[in-house]
Amino acid sequence: MSLKKWLDNGYLKKAKPTKRDIDAKFGVARRDLEDASTTEISDDSRYRLAYEAMLVVAQAMLLADGYRPASQGSHYSSIESLEHTMGESREKIE
């Protein structure tokens, strides 16, 4: 399903982000990945940080295309949108 259809179905909302908004998301993702690379925390914590980084990148990509998830914390639509926002096949993303 295209992002336009997602918008029509209510999974996404239109957004007018600034470059600063998008850069801030990528900054959070970078920090999460840096923190996840330390061996001083548990593997579970490292995994959570890496997951959060991926989620924030997915949200940044949606913002760059002019959308945001319709509900706060909508992990599913953020992650599923990567196929459209990154221009990659589902097989490559998984």
Protein backbone atom coordinates (compact mmCIF):
# COMPACT_ATOMS: atom_id res chain seq x y z
CA MET A 1 0.00 0.00 0.00
CA SER A 2 1.32 3.47 -0.85
CA LEU A 3 1.85 6.21 1.71
CA LYS A 4 -1.00 8.12 0.08
CA LYS A 5 -3.33 5.19 0.75
CA TRP A 6 -2.04 5.02 4.33
CA LEU A 7 -2.92 8.71 4.66
CA ASP A 8 -6.37 8.11 3.17
CA ASN A 9 -6.92 5.18 5.57
CA GLY A 10 -5.94 7.27 8.60
CA TYR A 11 -2.65 5.52 9.44
CA LEU A 12 -0.63 8.66 8.67
CA LYS A 13 -1.10 12.41 8.95
CA LYS A 14 0.45 15.14 6.85
CA ALA A 15 3.44 16.88 8.41
CA LYS A 16 5.45 19.99 7.55
CA PRO A 17 8.76 19.31 9.25
CA THR A 18 11.75 21.59 9.13
CA LYS A 19 15.25 20.38 8.35
CA ARG A 20 15.95 20.93 12.03
CA ASP A 21 13.14 18.52 12.99
CA ILE A 22 14.57 15.80 10.77
CA ASP A 23 18.15 16.45 11.86
CA ALA A 24 17.06 16.20 15.50
CA LYS A 25 15.59 12.74 14.87
CA PHE A 26 18.83 11.58 13.24
CA GLY A 27 20.77 13.03 16.19
CA VAL A 28 18.72 10.95 18.61
CA ALA A 29 19.32 7.84 16.49
CA ARG A 30 23.07 8.47 16.42
CA ARG A 31 23.20 8.85 20.20
CA ASP A 32 21.15 5.70 20.71
CA LEU A 33 23.49 3.73 18.44
CA GLU A 34 26.56 5.10 20.20
CA ASP A 35 25.07 4.11 23.55
CA ALA A 36 24.13 0.67 22.20
CA SER A 37 27.73 0.04 21.17
CA THR A 38 28.99 0.07 24.76
CA THR A 39 29.57 -3.24 26.49
CA GLU A 40 29.00 -1.68 29.91
CA ILE A 41 25.24 -2.24 29.75
CA SER A 42 23.20 -5.40 29.37
CA ASP A 43 22.54 -6.97 25.99
CA ASP A 44 18.82 -6.32 26.53
CA SER A 45 19.49 -2.61 26.98
CA ARG A 46 21.74 -2.53 23.94
CA TYR A 47 19.02 -4.19 21.87
CA ARG A 48 16.39 -1.68 23.09
CA LEU A 49 18.66 1.24 22.18
CA ALA A 50 19.35 -0.18 18.72
CA TYR A 51 15.62 -0.76 18.18
CA GLU A 52 14.83 2.80 19.27
CA ALA A 53 17.47 4.12 16.85
CA MET A 54 15.87 2.20 13.98
CA LEU A 55 12.43 3.46 14.96
CA VAL A 56 13.57 7.09 15.12
CA VAL A 57 15.23 6.78 11.69
CA ALA A 58 11.97 5.36 10.30
CA GLN A 59 10.11 8.36 11.77
CA ALA A 60 12.67 10.76 10.30
CA MET A 61 12.24 9.18 6.87
CA LEU A 62 8.46 9.60 7.14
CA LEU A 63 8.90 13.23 8.16
CA ALA A 64 11.19 13.83 5.21
CA ASP A 65 8.37 12.60 2.96
CA GLY A 66 5.88 14.91 4.68
CA TYR A 67 4.11 12.41 6.94
CA ARG A 68 3.96 11.29 10.54
CA PRO A 69 2.18 8.36 12.20
CA ALA A 70 -1.46 9.17 13.01
CA SER A 71 -1.11 7.94 16.58
CA GLN A 72 1.70 8.65 19.02
CA GLY A 73 4.24 5.88 19.24
CA SER A 74 2.88 4.05 16.22
CA HIS A 75 5.83 1.71 15.78
CA TYR A 76 4.08 -0.44 13.20
CA SER A 77 3.36 2.27 10.64
CA SER A 78 6.79 3.85 11.13
CA ILE A 79 8.61 0.59 10.50
CA GLU A 80 6.33 -0.60 7.70
CA SER A 81 6.78 2.74 5.90
CA LEU A 82 10.50 2.08 5.35
CA GLU A 83 9.69 0.14 2.19
CA HIS A 84 8.27 3.36 0.72
CA THR A 85 10.49 6.02 2.28
CA MET A 86 13.77 4.22 1.59
CA GLY A 87 12.78 2.96 -1.84
CA GLU A 88 13.93 -0.56 -0.94
CA SER A 89 12.14 -3.85 -1.32
CA ARG A 90 10.60 -5.45 1.71
CA GLU A 91 13.04 -8.37 1.44
CA LYS A 92 16.05 -6.05 1.76
CA ILE A 93 14.60 -4.27 4.78
CA GLU A 94 13.79 -7.47 6.64
